[in-house]
C-alpha atoms as a PDB file:
ATOM      1  CA  MET A   1     -22.897  38.247 110.110  1.00  0.00           C
ATOM      2  CA  SER A   2     -22.370  35.636 112.815  1.00  0.00           C
ATOM      3  CA  ALA A   3     -21.739  31.886 112.430  1.00  0.00           C
ATOM      4  CA  THR A   4     -24.673  29.587 111.632  1.00  0.00           C
ATOM      5  CA  THR A   5     -26.729  28.151 114.455  1.00  0.00           C
ATOM      6  CA  GLN A   6     -28.973  26.022 112.257  1.00  0.00           C
ATOM      7  CA  GLU A   7     -29.189  24.513 108.785  1.00  0.00           C
ATOM      8  CA  ARG A   8     -29.508  26.956 105.903  1.00  0.00           C
ATOM      9  CA  ASN A   9     -30.438  26.866 102.240  1.00  0.00           C
ATOM     10  CA  THR A  10     -27.270  28.160 100.574  1.00  0.00           C
ATOM     11  CA  PRO A  11     -27.723  29.200  96.935  1.00  0.00           C
ATOM     12  CA  GLN A  12     -25.335  27.601  94.459  1.00  0.00           C
ATOM     13  CA  TYR A  13     -23.623  29.715  91.842  1.00  0.00           C
ATOM     14  CA  GLY A  14     -22.696  27.614  88.884  1.00  0.00           C
ATOM     15  CA  VAL A  15     -24.597  24.778  87.367  1.00  0.00           C
ATOM     16  CA  ASP A  16     -27.577  26.758  86.131  1.00  0.00           C
ATOM     17  CA  THR A  17     -26.141  30.265  85.986  1.00  0.00           C
ATOM     18  CA  ILE A  18     -22.636  29.899  84.506  1.00  0.00           C
ATOM     19  CA  PRO A  19     -22.251  28.523  80.989  1.00  0.00           C
ATOM     20  CA  GLN A  20     -20.175  25.361  81.184  1.00  0.00           C
ATOM     21  CA  LEU A  21     -19.610  25.201  77.440  1.00  0.00           C
ATOM     22  CA  VAL A  22     -18.105  28.146  75.587  1.00  0.00           C
ATOM     23  CA  SER A  23     -16.920  28.708  72.046  1.00  0.00           C
ATOM     24  CA  ARG A  24     -13.888  30.814  71.155  1.00  0.00           C
ATOM     25  CA  PRO A  25     -11.863  31.416  67.956  1.00  0.00           C
ATOM     26  CA  ALA A  26      -8.790  29.266  67.317  1.00  0.00           C
ATOM     27  CA  ALA A  27      -5.385  30.839  66.743  1.00  0.00           C
ATOM     28  CA  ALA A  28      -3.704  30.340  63.373  1.00  0.00           C
ATOM     29  CA  GLY A  29      -1.337  27.398  63.024  1.00  0.00           C
ATOM     30  CA  VAL A  30      -2.640  25.324  65.942  1.00  0.00           C
ATOM     31  CA  LEU A  31      -3.966  21.809  66.483  1.00  0.00           C
ATOM     32  CA  LEU A  32      -6.224  21.575  69.521  1.00  0.00           C
ATOM     33  CA  ASN A  33      -6.780  17.942  70.439  1.00  0.00           C
ATOM     34  CA  GLN A  34      -9.987  16.778  72.075  1.00  0.00           C
ATOM     35  CA  GLY A  35      -9.462  16.523  75.825  1.00  0.00           C
ATOM     36  CA  ALA A  36      -6.494  18.913  75.926  1.00  0.00           C
ATOM     37  CA  ILE A  37      -6.300  22.047  78.063  1.00  0.00           C
ATOM     38  CA  ALA A  38      -7.329  25.148  76.094  1.00  0.00           C
ATOM     39  CA  VAL A  39      -5.928  28.580  76.892  1.00  0.00           C
ATOM     40  CA  LEU A  40      -6.549  32.077  75.610  1.00  0.00           C
ATOM     41  CA  ARG A  41      -3.560  33.966  74.205  1.00  0.00           C
ATOM     42  CA  ALA A  42      -4.037  37.365  72.577  1.00  0.00           C
ATOM     43  CA  GLY A  43      -7.748  36.681  72.105  1.00  0.00           C
ATOM     44  CA  PHE A  44      -7.368  33.286  70.409  1.00  0.00           C
ATOM     45  CA  VAL A  45      -7.383  29.697  71.685  1.00  0.00           C
ATOM     46  CA  VAL A  46      -4.110  27.768  71.761  1.00  0.00           C
ATOM     47  CA  PRO A  47      -3.132  24.505  73.475  1.00  0.00           C
ATOM     48  CA  GLY A  48      -2.013  24.778  77.102  1.00  0.00           C
ATOM     49  CA  GLN A  49       1.712  25.503  77.366  1.00  0.00           C
ATOM     50  CA  THR A  50       4.382  26.911  79.620  1.00  0.00           C
ATOM     51  CA  GLY A  51       4.259  30.694  79.480  1.00  0.00           C
ATOM     52  CA  THR A  52       2.913  33.738  81.229  1.00  0.00           C
ATOM     53  CA  GLY A  53      -0.228  35.744  80.596  1.00  0.00           C
ATOM     54  CA  LEU A  54      -2.281  32.734  79.480  1.00  0.00           C
ATOM     55  CA  VAL A  55      -5.903  32.349  80.613  1.00  0.00           C
ATOM     56  CA  VAL A  56      -7.111  28.765  81.021  1.00  0.00           C
ATOM     57  CA  LEU A  57     -10.547  28.265  79.512  1.00  0.00           C
ATOM     58  CA  GLY A  58     -11.064  24.536  80.168  1.00  0.00           C
ATOM     59  CA  ARG A  59     -11.063  21.281  78.160  1.00  0.00           C
ATOM     60  CA  VAL A  60     -11.271  21.084  74.347  1.00  0.00           C
ATOM     61  CA  GLU A  61     -14.480  19.227  73.463  1.00  0.00           C
ATOM     62  CA  ARG A  62     -13.712  18.393  69.809  1.00  0.00           C
ATOM     63  CA  THR A  63     -10.421  18.374  67.931  1.00  0.00           C
ATOM     64  CA  VAL A  64      -9.875  21.536  65.887  1.00  0.00           C
ATOM     65  CA  ASP A  65      -7.126  21.582  63.259  1.00  0.00           C
ATOM     66  CA  ASN A  66      -6.317  25.146  62.266  1.00  0.00           C
ATOM     67  CA  ARG A  67      -2.682  24.482  61.330  1.00  0.00           C
ATOM     68  CA  ASP A  68      -3.304  25.741  57.795  1.00  0.00           C
ATOM     69  CA  GLY A  69      -5.950  28.339  58.654  1.00  0.00           C
ATOM     70  CA  VAL A  70      -6.058  31.946  59.706  1.00  0.00           C
ATOM     71  CA  ALA A  71      -6.768  33.161  63.223  1.00  0.00           C
ATOM     72  CA  GLY A  72     -10.487  33.071  63.948  1.00  0.00           C
ATOM     73  CA  ALA A  73     -11.394  30.889  60.954  1.00  0.00           C
ATOM     74  CA  LEU A  74     -12.501  28.045  63.241  1.00  0.00           C
ATOM     75  CA  GLU A  75     -14.272  27.973  66.600  1.00  0.00           C
ATOM     76  CA  VAL A  76     -13.217  25.781  69.512  1.00  0.00           C
ATOM     77  CA  SER A  77     -15.806  24.290  71.890  1.00  0.00           C
ATOM     78  CA  ILE A  78     -14.471  24.334  75.430  1.00  0.00           C
ATOM     79  CA  ARG A  79     -15.967  22.906  78.617  1.00  0.00           C
ATOM     80  CA  MET A  80     -15.257  24.412  82.027  1.00  0.00           C
ATOM     81  CA  GLY A  81     -15.201  22.182  85.085  1.00  0.00           C
ATOM     82  CA  VAL A  82     -13.165  19.681  87.079  1.00  0.00           C
ATOM     83  CA  PHE A  83     -10.943  17.436  84.954  1.00  0.00           C
ATOM     84  CA  LYS A  84      -8.087  14.983  85.508  1.00  0.00           C
ATOM     85  CA  TYR A  85      -4.732  15.722  83.898  1.00  0.00           C
ATOM     86  CA  GLY A  86      -1.166  14.518  84.257  1.00  0.00           C
ATOM     87  CA  ASN A  87       0.973  15.395  87.242  1.00  0.00           C
ATOM     88  CA  SER A  88       4.374  17.047  86.995  1.00  0.00           C
ATOM     89  CA  ALA A  89       7.390  15.202  88.407  1.00  0.00           C
ATOM     90  CA  GLY A  90       9.948  15.951  91.106  1.00  0.00           C
ATOM     91  CA  PRO A  91       9.541  19.028  93.298  1.00  0.00           C
ATOM     92  CA  ASP A  92       6.650  20.251  91.141  1.00  0.00           C
ATOM     93  CA  ALA A  93       4.566  17.109  91.696  1.00  0.00           C
ATOM     94  CA  ILE A  94       1.139  17.775  93.177  1.00  0.00           C
ATOM     95  CA  GLY A  95       0.047  15.757  96.214  1.00  0.00           C
ATOM     96  CA  ARG A  96      -3.310  15.215  97.862  1.00  0.00           C
ATOM     97  CA  VAL A  97      -2.201  17.589 100.629  1.00  0.00           C
ATOM     98  CA  ASN A  98      -2.215  20.373  98.013  1.00  0.00           C
ATOM     99  CA  ALA A  99      -6.009  20.283  97.529  1.00  0.00           C
ATOM    100  CA  GLY A 100      -7.327  23.838  97.375  1.00  0.00           C
ATOM    101  CA  ALA A 101      -4.030  25.291  96.163  1.00  0.00           C
ATOM    102  CA  ASN A 102      -3.327  26.753  92.741  1.00  0.00           C
ATOM    103  CA  CYS A 103      -1.868  24.598  89.995  1.00  0.00           C
ATOM    104  CA  TYR A 104       0.086  25.747  86.961  1.00  0.00           C
ATOM    105  CA  LEU A 105       0.370  24.853  83.258  1.00  0.00           C
ATOM    106  CA  VAL A 106       3.244  22.750  81.983  1.00  0.00           C
ATOM    107  CA  ASP A 107       1.619  21.781  78.664  1.00  0.00           C
ATOM    108  CA  ASP A 108      -1.831  20.878  77.331  1.00  0.00           C
ATOM    109  CA  GLN A 109      -2.130  17.815  79.564  1.00  0.00           C
ATOM    110  CA  THR A 110       0.208  18.364  82.540  1.00  0.00           C
ATOM    111  CA  LEU A 111      -0.179  20.421  85.726  1.00  0.00           C
ATOM    112  CA  ALA A 112       2.451  21.509  88.263  1.00  0.00           C
ATOM    113  CA  LEU A 113       2.452  22.745  91.848  1.00  0.00           C
ATOM    114  CA  THR A 114       4.534  25.882  91.218  1.00  0.00           C
ATOM    115  CA  ASP A 115       4.792  28.632  88.644  1.00  0.00           C
ATOM    116  CA  ASP A 116       8.510  27.775  88.164  1.00  0.00           C
ATOM    117  CA  ALA A 117       9.733  31.175  89.343  1.00  0.00           C
ATOM    118  CA  GLY A 118       7.098  33.062  87.348  1.00  0.00           C
ATOM    119  CA  LYS A 119       7.461  31.116  84.082  1.00  0.00           C
ATOM    120  CA  ARG A 120       4.046  29.378  84.149  1.00  0.00           C
ATOM    121  CA  SER A 121       0.469  30.639  84.065  1.00  0.00           C
ATOM    122  CA  ARG A 122      -2.078  29.576  86.649  1.00  0.00           C
ATOM    123  CA  ALA A 123      -4.218  26.679  85.444  1.00  0.00           C
ATOM    124  CA  GLY A 124      -6.811  26.445  88.182  1.00  0.00           C
ATOM    125  CA  THR A 125      -7.471  24.975  91.621  1.00  0.00           C
ATOM    126  CA  ILE A 126      -6.342  21.529  92.765  1.00  0.00           C
ATOM    127  CA  MET A 127      -9.304  19.423  93.879  1.00  0.00           C
ATOM    128  CA  ASP A 128      -7.609  16.047  94.463  1.00  0.00           C
ATOM    129  CA  VAL A 129      -4.917  13.660  93.267  1.00  0.00           C
ATOM    130  CA  ASP A 130      -5.904  10.169  92.161  1.00  0.00           C
ATOM    131  CA  PRO A 131      -4.159   7.748  94.557  1.00  0.00           C
ATOM    132  CA  LEU A 132      -3.947   5.050  91.858  1.00  0.00           C
ATOM    133  CA  ASP A 133      -2.350   6.870  88.941  1.00  0.00           C
ATOM    134  CA  GLY A 134      -1.294  10.237  90.421  1.00  0.00           C
ATOM    135  CA  GLY A 135      -3.480  12.225  88.018  1.00  0.00           C
ATOM    136  CA  VAL A 136      -4.519  15.683  89.186  1.00  0.00           C
ATOM    137  CA  TRP A 137      -8.196  16.626  89.439  1.00  0.00           C
ATOM    138  CA  ALA A 138      -8.380  20.393  88.955  1.00  0.00           C
ATOM    139  CA  LEU A 139     -11.076  23.035  88.516  1.00  0.00           C
ATOM    140  CA  LEU A 140     -10.347  24.742  85.193  1.00  0.00           C
ATOM    141  CA  GLY A 141     -12.067  27.626  83.462  1.00  0.00           C
ATOM    142  CA  LEU A 142     -14.452  30.313  84.583  1.00  0.00           C
ATOM    143  CA  GLY A 143     -11.616  32.806  84.174  1.00  0.00           C
ATOM    144  CA  LEU A 144      -9.771  31.374  87.161  1.00  0.00           C
END
Protein backbone atom coordinates (compact mmCIF):
# COMPACT_ATOMS: atom_id res chain seq x y z
CA MET A 1 0.00 0.00 0.00
CA SER A 2 1.32 3.47 -0.81
CA ALA A 3 1.13 6.65 1.30
CA THR A 4 -2.15 8.59 1.42
CA THR A 5 -2.84 11.22 -1.19
CA GLN A 6 -6.14 12.38 0.28
CA GLU A 7 -8.17 12.29 3.48
CA ARG A 8 -9.42 8.89 4.60
CA ASN A 9 -11.95 7.49 7.03
CA THR A 10 -9.77 5.40 9.34
CA PRO A 11 -11.70 2.95 11.54
CA GLN A 12 -11.00 3.19 15.26
CA TYR A 13 -10.41 0.05 17.28
CA GLY A 14 -11.29 0.64 20.88
CA VAL A 15 -14.08 2.70 22.27
CA ASP A 16 -16.96 0.59 21.00
CA THR A 17 -15.24 -2.74 20.40
CA ILE A 18 -12.93 -3.28 23.40
CA PRO A 19 -14.43 -3.54 26.87
CA GLN A 20 -13.01 -0.74 28.99
CA LEU A 21 -14.28 -2.22 32.24
CA VAL A 22 -13.38 -5.77 33.23
CA SER A 23 -13.91 -7.85 36.34
CA ARG A 24 -11.36 -10.34 37.66
CA PRO A 25 -10.99 -12.37 40.88
CA ALA A 26 -8.93 -10.91 43.73
CA ALA A 27 -5.99 -12.81 45.19
CA ALA A 28 -6.16 -13.89 48.83
CA GLY A 29 -4.70 -11.55 51.42
CA VAL A 30 -4.80 -8.35 49.35
CA LEU A 31 -6.23 -4.85 49.69
CA LEU A 32 -6.82 -3.20 46.33
CA ASN A 33 -7.43 0.51 46.80
CA GLN A 34 -9.64 2.47 44.44
CA GLY A 35 -7.48 4.25 41.88
CA ALA A 36 -4.48 1.92 42.28
CA ILE A 37 -2.85 -0.02 39.46
CA ALA A 38 -4.20 -3.58 39.25
CA VAL A 39 -2.09 -6.45 37.93
CA LEU A 40 -2.70 -10.10 37.23
CA ARG A 41 -0.46 -12.61 39.01
CA ALA A 42 -1.12 -16.34 38.69
CA GLY A 43 -4.68 -15.66 37.54
CA PHE A 44 -5.65 -13.34 40.40
CA VAL A 45 -5.61 -9.55 40.84
CA VAL A 46 -3.01 -8.00 43.13
CA PRO A 47 -1.85 -4.40 43.58
CA GLY A 48 0.86 -3.19 41.18
CA GLN A 49 4.34 -3.99 42.49
CA THR A 50 7.93 -4.50 41.46
CA GLY A 51 8.32 -7.97 40.00
CA THR A 52 8.42 -9.89 36.77
CA GLY A 53 5.69 -11.75 34.94
CA LEU A 54 2.92 -9.36 36.02
CA VAL A 55 0.23 -8.28 33.54
CA VAL A 56 -1.17 -4.79 34.07
CA LEU A 57 -4.95 -4.74 33.79
CA GLY A 58 -5.65 -1.06 34.52
CA ARG A 59 -7.08 1.04 37.38
CA VAL A 60 -9.06 -0.38 40.33
CA GLU A 61 -12.55 1.15 40.21
CA ARG A 62 -13.70 0.31 43.76
CA THR A 63 -11.71 -0.69 46.82
CA VAL A 64 -11.70 -4.45 47.41
CA ASP A 65 -10.52 -5.79 50.77
CA ASN A 66 -9.74 -9.49 50.51
CA ARG A 67 -7.10 -9.53 53.26
CA ASP A 68 -9.10 -12.12 55.20
CA GLY A 69 -10.62 -13.92 52.22
CA VAL A 70 -9.68 -16.73 49.90
CA ALA A 71 -8.48 -16.30 46.33
CA GLY A 72 -11.40 -15.65 44.01
CA ALA A 73 -13.92 -14.88 46.77
CA LEU A 74 -14.25 -11.27 45.60
CA GLU A 75 -14.24 -9.67 42.15
CA VAL A 76 -12.30 -6.53 41.27
CA SER A 77 -13.68 -4.00 38.77
CA ILE A 78 -10.86 -2.64 36.64
CA ARG A 79 -10.90 0.10 34.01
CA MET A 80 -8.47 0.13 31.09
CA GLY A 81 -7.33 3.43 29.63
CA VAL A 82 -5.01 6.40 30.06
CA PHE A 83 -4.39 7.38 33.69
CA LYS A 84 -2.01 9.63 35.62
CA TYR A 85 0.28 8.05 38.20
CA GLY A 86 3.38 9.05 40.13
CA ASN A 87 6.76 9.37 38.49
CA SER A 88 9.86 7.53 39.67
CA ALA A 89 12.87 9.59 40.76
CA GLY A 90 16.47 9.88 39.60
CA PRO A 91 17.60 8.05 36.47
CA ASP A 92 14.26 6.23 36.26
CA ALA A 93 12.22 9.45 36.07
CA ILE A 94 10.02 9.71 33.00
CA GLY A 95 10.18 12.89 30.91
CA ARG A 96 7.93 14.30 28.22
CA VAL A 97 10.54 13.25 25.66
CA ASN A 98 9.73 9.63 26.57
CA ALA A 99 6.19 9.77 25.15
CA GLY A 100 5.50 6.58 23.21
CA ALA A 101 8.03 4.53 25.17
CA ASN A 102 7.27 1.71 27.59
CA CYS A 103 6.95 2.40 31.29
CA TYR A 104 7.41 -0.05 34.14
CA LEU A 105 5.81 -0.82 37.51
CA VAL A 106 7.41 0.34 40.74
CA ASP A 107 4.30 -0.07 42.93
CA ASP A 108 0.53 0.42 42.66
CA GLN A 109 0.85 4.15 42.00
CA THR A 110 4.36 4.75 40.59
CA LEU A 111 5.81 4.26 37.10
CA ALA A 112 9.45 4.17 35.96
CA LEU A 113 11.30 4.56 32.68
CA THR A 114 13.29 1.32 32.92
CA ASP A 115 12.74 -2.27 33.95
CA ASP A 116 15.63 -1.96 36.46
CA ALA A 117 17.76 -4.62 34.78
CA GLY A 118 14.81 -6.98 34.30
CA LYS A 119 13.32 -6.63 37.80
CA ARG A 120 10.11 -4.79 36.79
CA SER A 121 7.14 -5.72 34.62
CA ARG A 122 5.96 -3.49 31.80
CA ALA A 123 3.09 -1.24 32.86
CA GLY A 124 2.07 0.31 29.57
CA THR A 125 2.87 3.13 27.16
CA ILE A 126 3.87 6.65 28.20
CA MET A 127 1.48 9.23 26.74
CA ASP A 128 2.73 12.41 28.46
CA VAL A 129 4.16 13.88 31.65
CA ASP A 130 2.26 16.64 33.43
CA PRO A 131 4.53 19.72 33.37
CA LEU A 132 3.06 21.00 36.66
CA ASP A 133 3.37 18.02 38.97
CA GLY A 134 5.48 15.53 36.98
CA GLY A 135 2.76 12.87 37.00
CA VAL A 136 2.92 10.30 34.21
CA TRP A 137 -0.03 9.81 31.85
CA ALA A 138 0.15 6.21 30.63
CA LEU A 139 -2.01 3.83 28.61
CA LEU A 140 -2.66 0.83 30.87
CA GLY A 141 -4.53 -2.39 30.23
CA LEU A 142 -5.69 -4.18 27.13
CA GLY A 143 -3.03 -6.80 27.82
CA LEU A 144 -0.25 -4.37 26.96
